[in-house]
Amino acid sequence: MRYFEDIEVGESKTLGTETLSQDEIIDFASEWDPQDYHTDPEAAKESVHGGIIASGSHTVAVAIREWVEEDLNDVKNMGAREIRSLTWERAIRPGEELEFRVEVLDKEPDEYNPTHGFVEYELSVHVDGEEVISMISEQVIGTREVWG
């Protein structure tokens, strides 16, 4: 288990990869984001996207799952304090391999509570080396002094 004290500003990690199929994209969007360019291949061809694209919510959910499984489960993570920014540079298409990365941008102790500190992370998604999604969030991370 890693604690607030163990985390260094600037550390980064490549987490893994995932490829979303057209069926997975349609299934997710049918439940959570039922817009034609996510759910209907024929209508999507006529859209500005020219075909099915993944819902932004879907791609962020997959990225967060990868982050949790490959990194945050090994940290005394106590939840997100905020999401500062979330950007999509371009649409994700079926069959594209998504690569996930995380980097520690900043950290600071909670001056009023010794049980935790705040760590600012950037979670990013890349396709063929190009960053296509970036999320900057602040997580509450437990201290070794209290939880270790």
N, C-alpha and C. Protein backbone atom coordinates (compact mmCIF):
# COMPACT_ATOMS: atom_id res chain seq x y z
N MET A 1 0.85 -1.18 0.00
CA MET A 1 0.00 0.00 0.00
C MET A 1 0.89 1.24 0.00
N ARG A 2 0.57 2.17 -0.88
CA ARG A 2 1.28 3.45 -0.92
C ARG A 2 0.41 4.51 -0.26
N TYR A 3 1.09 5.44 0.43
CA TYR A 3 0.41 6.51 1.15
C TYR A 3 0.84 7.85 0.57
N PHE A 4 0.22 8.91 1.06
CA PHE A 4 0.50 10.26 0.59
C PHE A 4 2.00 10.53 0.56
N GLU A 5 2.70 10.13 1.62
CA GLU A 5 4.14 10.40 1.74
C GLU A 5 4.95 9.69 0.65
N ASP A 6 4.43 8.59 0.10
CA ASP A 6 5.16 7.79 -0.89
C ASP A 6 5.05 8.33 -2.31
N ILE A 7 4.12 9.21 -2.54
CA ILE A 7 3.84 9.70 -3.89
C ILE A 7 4.72 10.91 -4.18
N GLU A 8 5.36 10.90 -5.36
CA GLU A 8 6.27 11.96 -5.76
C GLU A 8 5.71 12.74 -6.95
N VAL A 9 5.78 14.06 -6.88
CA VAL A 9 5.39 14.90 -8.01
C VAL A 9 6.28 14.53 -9.20
N GLY A 10 5.67 14.34 -10.35
CA GLY A 10 6.40 14.00 -11.56
C GLY A 10 6.41 12.52 -11.89
N GLU A 11 6.06 11.68 -10.93
CA GLU A 11 6.04 10.25 -11.25
C GLU A 11 4.92 9.98 -12.24
N SER A 12 5.18 9.05 -13.14
CA SER A 12 4.18 8.71 -14.14
C SER A 12 4.22 7.21 -14.40
N LYS A 13 3.13 6.74 -14.98
CA LYS A 13 3.00 5.30 -15.19
C LYS A 13 2.11 5.06 -16.41
N THR A 14 2.54 4.14 -17.27
CA THR A 14 1.67 3.66 -18.34
C THR A 14 0.88 2.51 -17.76
N LEU A 15 -0.43 2.56 -17.91
CA LEU A 15 -1.31 1.64 -17.20
C LEU A 15 -1.68 0.40 -17.99
N GLY A 16 -1.93 0.51 -19.24
CA GLY A 16 -2.37 -0.62 -20.03
C GLY A 16 -3.13 -0.15 -21.25
N THR A 17 -3.75 -1.08 -21.94
CA THR A 17 -4.48 -0.76 -23.15
C THR A 17 -5.85 -1.42 -23.15
N GLU A 18 -6.72 -0.90 -24.00
CA GLU A 18 -8.07 -1.44 -24.18
C GLU A 18 -8.52 -1.04 -25.58
N THR A 19 -9.25 -1.93 -26.21
CA THR A 19 -9.84 -1.65 -27.51
C THR A 19 -11.34 -1.83 -27.40
N LEU A 20 -12.10 -0.82 -27.78
CA LEU A 20 -13.56 -0.88 -27.71
C LEU A 20 -14.12 -1.33 -29.06
N SER A 21 -14.94 -2.35 -29.04
CA SER A 21 -15.58 -2.81 -30.27
C SER A 21 -16.81 -1.95 -30.56
N GLN A 22 -17.30 -2.03 -31.78
CA GLN A 22 -18.51 -1.29 -32.13
C GLN A 22 -19.68 -1.76 -31.25
N ASP A 23 -19.78 -3.06 -31.01
CA ASP A 23 -20.87 -3.58 -30.16
C ASP A 23 -20.78 -3.03 -28.74
N GLU A 24 -19.58 -2.97 -28.18
CA GLU A 24 -19.41 -2.41 -26.83
C GLU A 24 -19.82 -0.93 -26.80
N ILE A 25 -19.43 -0.18 -27.81
CA ILE A 25 -19.76 1.24 -27.89
C ILE A 25 -21.28 1.42 -27.97
N ILE A 26 -21.92 0.64 -28.82
CA ILE A 26 -23.37 0.74 -28.98
C ILE A 26 -24.08 0.32 -27.70
N ASP A 27 -23.63 -0.78 -27.07
CA ASP A 27 -24.27 -1.25 -25.83
C ASP A 27 -24.20 -0.20 -24.73
N PHE A 28 -23.01 0.37 -24.51
CA PHE A 28 -22.87 1.40 -23.48
C PHE A 28 -23.77 2.59 -23.78
N ALA A 29 -23.68 3.09 -25.01
CA ALA A 29 -24.43 4.29 -25.37
C ALA A 29 -25.93 4.05 -25.35
N SER A 30 -26.37 2.86 -25.69
CA SER A 30 -27.80 2.56 -25.65
C SER A 30 -28.36 2.74 -24.25
N GLU A 31 -27.53 2.42 -23.26
CA GLU A 31 -27.95 2.55 -21.86
C GLU A 31 -27.73 3.95 -21.30
N TRP A 32 -26.59 4.60 -21.65
CA TRP A 32 -26.17 5.80 -20.93
C TRP A 32 -26.04 7.07 -21.76
N ASP A 33 -25.94 6.97 -23.09
CA ASP A 33 -25.74 8.16 -23.93
C ASP A 33 -26.34 7.89 -25.31
N PRO A 34 -27.68 7.73 -25.39
CA PRO A 34 -28.33 7.23 -26.61
C PRO A 34 -28.45 8.25 -27.74
N GLN A 35 -27.31 8.75 -28.18
CA GLN A 35 -27.29 9.63 -29.35
C GLN A 35 -26.98 8.78 -30.58
N ASP A 36 -27.59 9.14 -31.72
CA ASP A 36 -27.48 8.32 -32.92
C ASP A 36 -26.05 7.99 -33.34
N TYR A 37 -25.15 8.95 -33.20
CA TYR A 37 -23.78 8.68 -33.65
C TYR A 37 -23.02 7.73 -32.71
N HIS A 38 -23.65 7.36 -31.58
CA HIS A 38 -23.10 6.32 -30.69
C HIS A 38 -23.84 4.99 -30.85
N THR A 39 -25.08 5.03 -31.32
CA THR A 39 -25.93 3.83 -31.26
C THR A 39 -26.42 3.30 -32.61
N ASP A 40 -26.41 4.10 -33.66
CA ASP A 40 -27.00 3.71 -34.94
C ASP A 40 -25.97 3.87 -36.06
N PRO A 41 -25.40 2.77 -36.54
CA PRO A 41 -24.35 2.87 -37.56
C PRO A 41 -24.78 3.62 -38.82
N GLU A 42 -26.03 3.46 -39.25
CA GLU A 42 -26.48 4.15 -40.46
C GLU A 42 -26.63 5.66 -40.22
N ALA A 43 -27.25 6.02 -39.12
CA ALA A 43 -27.39 7.44 -38.79
C ALA A 43 -26.02 8.07 -38.54
N ALA A 44 -25.11 7.32 -37.92
CA ALA A 44 -23.77 7.83 -37.62
C ALA A 44 -23.00 8.16 -38.90
N LYS A 45 -23.24 7.39 -39.97
CA LYS A 45 -22.57 7.67 -41.25
C LYS A 45 -22.95 9.06 -41.77
N GLU A 46 -24.17 9.49 -41.47
CA GLU A 46 -24.67 10.78 -41.94
C GLU A 46 -24.30 11.93 -41.00
N SER A 47 -23.73 11.61 -39.86
CA SER A 47 -23.37 12.65 -38.89
C SER A 47 -22.04 13.29 -39.27
N VAL A 48 -21.68 14.33 -38.57
CA VAL A 48 -20.40 15.00 -38.77
C VAL A 48 -19.23 14.05 -38.52
N HIS A 49 -19.47 12.98 -37.75
CA HIS A 49 -18.41 12.02 -37.41
C HIS A 49 -18.19 10.98 -38.50
N GLY A 50 -19.17 10.79 -39.39
CA GLY A 50 -19.00 9.84 -40.49
C GLY A 50 -19.04 8.39 -40.08
N GLY A 51 -19.44 8.09 -38.86
CA GLY A 51 -19.53 6.72 -38.38
C GLY A 51 -19.65 6.69 -36.86
N ILE A 52 -19.82 5.50 -36.35
CA ILE A 52 -19.96 5.30 -34.90
C ILE A 52 -18.72 5.82 -34.18
N ILE A 53 -18.97 6.55 -33.08
CA ILE A 53 -17.89 6.95 -32.17
C ILE A 53 -18.30 6.59 -30.75
N ALA A 54 -17.32 6.39 -29.90
CA ALA A 54 -17.58 6.07 -28.49
C ALA A 54 -18.08 7.31 -27.75
N SER A 55 -18.99 7.10 -26.84
CA SER A 55 -19.41 8.16 -25.94
C SER A 55 -18.21 8.62 -25.11
N GLY A 56 -18.12 9.92 -24.89
CA GLY A 56 -17.05 10.43 -24.02
C GLY A 56 -17.15 9.85 -22.63
N SER A 57 -18.38 9.66 -22.13
CA SER A 57 -18.57 9.05 -20.81
C SER A 57 -18.03 7.63 -20.78
N HIS A 58 -18.20 6.91 -21.87
CA HIS A 58 -17.71 5.54 -21.96
C HIS A 58 -16.18 5.51 -21.88
N THR A 59 -15.54 6.35 -22.67
CA THR A 59 -14.08 6.32 -22.70
C THR A 59 -13.49 6.76 -21.36
N VAL A 60 -14.10 7.74 -20.72
CA VAL A 60 -13.62 8.16 -19.40
C VAL A 60 -13.84 7.06 -18.37
N ALA A 61 -14.98 6.38 -18.42
CA ALA A 61 -15.25 5.29 -17.48
C ALA A 61 -14.22 4.16 -17.64
N VAL A 62 -13.88 3.83 -18.88
CA VAL A 62 -12.88 2.79 -19.14
C VAL A 62 -11.51 3.24 -18.62
N ALA A 63 -11.17 4.51 -18.85
CA ALA A 63 -9.88 5.03 -18.37
C ALA A 63 -9.80 5.00 -16.85
N ILE A 64 -10.87 5.40 -16.19
CA ILE A 64 -10.87 5.38 -14.72
C ILE A 64 -10.77 3.96 -14.19
N ARG A 65 -11.49 3.03 -14.81
CA ARG A 65 -11.38 1.63 -14.38
C ARG A 65 -9.92 1.14 -14.48
N GLU A 66 -9.28 1.44 -15.61
CA GLU A 66 -7.88 1.04 -15.81
C GLU A 66 -6.99 1.66 -14.74
N TRP A 67 -7.19 2.93 -14.43
CA TRP A 67 -6.41 3.64 -13.41
C TRP A 67 -6.60 2.99 -12.04
N VAL A 68 -7.83 2.72 -11.70
CA VAL A 68 -8.12 2.09 -10.40
C VAL A 68 -7.46 0.71 -10.32
N GLU A 69 -7.66 -0.11 -11.34
CA GLU A 69 -7.13 -1.48 -11.31
C GLU A 69 -5.61 -1.53 -11.33
N GLU A 70 -4.98 -0.62 -12.07
CA GLU A 70 -3.52 -0.68 -12.26
C GLU A 70 -2.73 0.23 -11.33
N ASP A 71 -3.41 1.12 -10.59
CA ASP A 71 -2.67 2.06 -9.76
C ASP A 71 -3.39 2.39 -8.45
N LEU A 72 -4.58 2.95 -8.51
CA LEU A 72 -5.23 3.46 -7.30
C LEU A 72 -5.58 2.39 -6.28
N ASN A 73 -5.79 1.15 -6.70
CA ASN A 73 -6.05 0.08 -5.73
C ASN A 73 -4.85 -0.18 -4.81
N ASP A 74 -3.68 0.29 -5.22
CA ASP A 74 -2.47 0.12 -4.41
C ASP A 74 -2.11 1.38 -3.63
N VAL A 75 -3.01 2.36 -3.63
CA VAL A 75 -2.80 3.64 -2.94
C VAL A 75 -3.92 3.80 -1.91
N LYS A 76 -3.63 4.43 -0.78
CA LYS A 76 -4.68 4.71 0.23
C LYS A 76 -5.55 5.85 -0.29
N ASN A 77 -6.26 5.56 -1.39
CA ASN A 77 -7.12 6.54 -2.05
C ASN A 77 -8.44 6.63 -1.30
N MET A 78 -8.83 7.84 -0.96
CA MET A 78 -10.04 8.07 -0.18
C MET A 78 -11.12 8.77 -1.02
N GLY A 79 -10.88 8.86 -2.34
CA GLY A 79 -11.88 9.43 -3.24
C GLY A 79 -11.39 10.70 -3.90
N ALA A 80 -12.16 11.13 -4.88
CA ALA A 80 -11.83 12.35 -5.62
C ALA A 80 -12.36 13.57 -4.89
N ARG A 81 -11.55 14.60 -4.87
CA ARG A 81 -11.97 15.89 -4.31
C ARG A 81 -12.62 16.74 -5.40
N GLU A 82 -12.05 16.65 -6.61
CA GLU A 82 -12.61 17.40 -7.73
C GLU A 82 -11.99 16.91 -9.04
N ILE A 83 -12.71 17.18 -10.11
CA ILE A 83 -12.16 17.05 -11.46
C ILE A 83 -12.00 18.48 -11.95
N ARG A 84 -10.76 18.85 -12.22
CA ARG A 84 -10.48 20.24 -12.62
C ARG A 84 -10.71 20.47 -14.10
N SER A 85 -10.39 19.47 -14.90
CA SER A 85 -10.62 19.60 -16.34
C SER A 85 -10.79 18.22 -16.95
N LEU A 86 -11.53 18.20 -18.04
CA LEU A 86 -11.75 16.98 -18.78
C LEU A 86 -11.90 17.39 -20.23
N THR A 87 -10.97 16.94 -21.08
CA THR A 87 -11.01 17.33 -22.48
C THR A 87 -10.92 16.11 -23.39
N TRP A 88 -11.64 16.20 -24.48
CA TRP A 88 -11.58 15.21 -25.54
C TRP A 88 -11.02 15.93 -26.77
N GLU A 89 -9.87 15.50 -27.24
CA GLU A 89 -9.25 16.14 -28.40
C GLU A 89 -9.87 15.67 -29.70
N ARG A 90 -10.33 14.42 -29.72
CA ARG A 90 -11.01 13.88 -30.90
C ARG A 90 -11.81 12.65 -30.49
N ALA A 91 -12.67 12.23 -31.38
CA ALA A 91 -13.54 11.07 -31.11
C ALA A 91 -12.74 9.77 -31.14
N ILE A 92 -13.24 8.80 -30.39
CA ILE A 92 -12.68 7.45 -30.36
C ILE A 92 -13.57 6.57 -31.23
N ARG A 93 -12.93 5.84 -32.14
CA ARG A 93 -13.66 4.97 -33.06
C ARG A 93 -13.49 3.50 -32.67
N PRO A 94 -14.45 2.67 -33.08
CA PRO A 94 -14.33 1.23 -32.79
C PRO A 94 -13.01 0.69 -33.33
N GLY A 95 -12.40 -0.19 -32.54
CA GLY A 95 -11.18 -0.86 -32.97
C GLY A 95 -9.89 -0.12 -32.68
N GLU A 96 -9.96 1.13 -32.23
CA GLU A 96 -8.73 1.85 -31.90
C GLU A 96 -8.20 1.37 -30.55
N GLU A 97 -6.89 1.15 -30.49
CA GLU A 97 -6.28 0.74 -29.22
C GLU A 97 -6.03 1.98 -28.36
N LEU A 98 -6.62 1.98 -27.19
CA LEU A 98 -6.46 3.08 -26.24
C LEU A 98 -5.36 2.72 -25.25
N GLU A 99 -4.42 3.62 -25.05
CA GLU A 99 -3.37 3.44 -24.06
C GLU A 99 -3.58 4.47 -22.96
N PHE A 100 -3.50 4.03 -21.70
CA PHE A 100 -3.80 4.88 -20.55
C PHE A 100 -2.52 5.20 -19.80
N ARG A 101 -2.41 6.46 -19.37
CA ARG A 101 -1.25 6.91 -18.60
C ARG A 101 -1.73 7.80 -17.46
N VAL A 102 -0.95 7.82 -16.39
CA VAL A 102 -1.25 8.70 -15.27
C VAL A 102 0.04 9.36 -14.81
N GLU A 103 -0.06 10.63 -14.44
CA GLU A 103 1.09 11.39 -13.96
C GLU A 103 0.67 12.21 -12.75
N VAL A 104 1.57 12.29 -11.76
CA VAL A 104 1.33 13.13 -10.58
C VAL A 104 1.81 14.54 -10.91
N LEU A 105 0.88 15.49 -10.87
CA LEU A 105 1.21 16.88 -11.20
C LEU A 105 1.59 17.71 -9.98
N ASP A 106 0.96 17.43 -8.84
CA ASP A 106 1.20 18.23 -7.64
C ASP A 106 0.68 17.46 -6.43
N LYS A 107 1.11 17.86 -5.25
CA LYS A 107 0.58 17.30 -4.01
C LYS A 107 0.75 18.31 -2.90
N GLU A 108 -0.16 18.25 -1.95
CA GLU A 108 -0.05 19.13 -0.78
C GLU A 108 -0.76 18.49 0.40
N PRO A 109 -0.19 18.61 1.58
CA PRO A 109 -0.87 18.08 2.76
C PRO A 109 -2.11 18.91 3.07
N ASP A 110 -3.05 18.29 3.75
CA ASP A 110 -4.21 19.05 4.24
C ASP A 110 -3.76 19.72 5.53
N GLU A 111 -3.68 21.03 5.52
CA GLU A 111 -3.15 21.75 6.68
C GLU A 111 -4.04 21.65 7.91
N TYR A 112 -5.28 21.22 7.75
CA TYR A 112 -6.21 21.14 8.88
C TYR A 112 -6.46 19.72 9.37
N ASN A 113 -6.03 18.72 8.59
CA ASN A 113 -6.36 17.34 8.93
C ASN A 113 -5.18 16.42 8.57
N PRO A 114 -4.53 15.80 9.56
CA PRO A 114 -3.36 14.98 9.28
C PRO A 114 -3.69 13.60 8.70
N THR A 115 -4.95 13.29 8.51
CA THR A 115 -5.30 11.95 8.02
C THR A 115 -5.05 11.77 6.54
N HIS A 116 -4.87 12.88 5.80
CA HIS A 116 -4.73 12.77 4.36
C HIS A 116 -4.08 14.01 3.76
N GLY A 117 -3.75 13.88 2.49
CA GLY A 117 -3.27 15.00 1.69
C GLY A 117 -3.97 14.96 0.35
N PHE A 118 -3.67 15.93 -0.51
CA PHE A 118 -4.32 16.05 -1.81
C PHE A 118 -3.28 15.85 -2.91
N VAL A 119 -3.60 14.99 -3.86
CA VAL A 119 -2.69 14.71 -4.97
C VAL A 119 -3.42 15.02 -6.27
N GLU A 120 -2.79 15.87 -7.10
CA GLU A 120 -3.35 16.21 -8.40
C GLU A 120 -2.74 15.28 -9.45
N TYR A 121 -3.61 14.59 -10.15
CA TYR A 121 -3.21 13.64 -11.19
C TYR A 121 -3.71 14.09 -12.55
N GLU A 122 -2.96 13.72 -13.60
CA GLU A 122 -3.50 13.78 -14.95
C GLU A 122 -3.63 12.35 -15.45
N LEU A 123 -4.84 11.96 -15.79
CA LEU A 123 -5.12 10.68 -16.42
C LEU A 123 -5.33 10.98 -17.90
N SER A 124 -4.58 10.30 -18.75
CA SER A 124 -4.70 10.58 -20.19
C SER A 124 -4.87 9.30 -20.97
N VAL A 125 -5.50 9.46 -22.13
CA VAL A 125 -5.73 8.36 -23.06
C VAL A 125 -5.05 8.72 -24.36
N HIS A 126 -4.33 7.75 -24.93
CA HIS A 126 -3.57 7.98 -26.15
C HIS A 126 -3.95 6.95 -27.21
N VAL A 127 -3.97 7.38 -28.45
CA VAL A 127 -4.15 6.49 -29.60
C VAL A 127 -2.98 6.75 -30.54
N ASP A 128 -2.21 5.70 -30.83
CA ASP A 128 -1.03 5.83 -31.69
C ASP A 128 -0.11 6.96 -31.24
N GLY A 129 0.07 7.10 -29.92
CA GLY A 129 0.97 8.10 -29.36
C GLY A 129 0.37 9.48 -29.22
N GLU A 130 -0.82 9.70 -29.76
CA GLU A 130 -1.49 11.01 -29.70
C GLU A 130 -2.42 11.05 -28.48
N GLU A 131 -2.29 12.11 -27.67
CA GLU A 131 -3.21 12.27 -26.54
C GLU A 131 -4.58 12.66 -27.07
N VAL A 132 -5.59 11.86 -26.70
CA VAL A 132 -6.95 12.13 -27.20
C VAL A 132 -7.91 12.50 -26.07
N ILE A 133 -7.57 12.16 -24.84
CA ILE A 133 -8.39 12.53 -23.67
C ILE A 133 -7.44 12.90 -22.54
N SER A 134 -7.80 13.94 -21.79
CA SER A 134 -7.03 14.32 -20.61
C SER A 134 -8.01 14.69 -19.50
N MET A 135 -7.77 14.13 -18.32
CA MET A 135 -8.58 14.47 -17.15
C MET A 135 -7.62 14.83 -16.02
N ILE A 136 -7.80 16.00 -15.46
CA ILE A 136 -7.00 16.40 -14.30
C ILE A 136 -7.93 16.39 -13.09
N SER A 137 -7.53 15.61 -12.10
CA SER A 137 -8.36 15.48 -10.90
C SER A 137 -7.49 15.54 -9.65
N GLU A 138 -8.13 15.85 -8.56
CA GLU A 138 -7.44 15.87 -7.27
C GLU A 138 -8.04 14.76 -6.41
N GLN A 139 -7.17 13.87 -5.94
CA GLN A 139 -7.58 12.75 -5.10
C GLN A 139 -7.17 13.01 -3.66
N VAL A 140 -7.96 12.49 -2.74
CA VAL A 140 -7.64 12.54 -1.32
C VAL A 140 -6.91 11.23 -1.00
N ILE A 141 -5.65 11.36 -0.53
CA ILE A 141 -4.82 10.18 -0.27
C ILE A 141 -4.43 10.14 1.20
N GLY A 142 -4.69 9.01 1.83
CA GLY A 142 -4.41 8.84 3.26
C GLY A 142 -2.93 8.88 3.58
N THR A 143 -2.62 9.38 4.79
CA THR A 143 -1.22 9.46 5.22
C THR A 143 -0.81 8.19 5.96
N ARG A 144 0.48 7.89 5.84
CA ARG A 144 1.04 6.72 6.51
C ARG A 144 0.93 6.86 8.03
N GLU A 145 1.10 8.09 8.52
CA GLU A 145 1.06 8.37 9.97
C GLU A 145 -0.25 7.87 10.60
N VAL A 146 -1.34 8.05 9.88
CA VAL A 146 -2.66 7.69 10.43
C VAL A 146 -3.09 6.29 10.00
N TRP A 147 -2.88 5.93 8.72
CA TRP A 147 -3.45 4.70 8.16
C TRP A 147 -2.44 3.57 8.04
N GLY A 148 -1.13 3.86 8.15
CA GLY A 148 -0.11 2.85 7.85
C GLY A 148 0.18 1.89 8.89
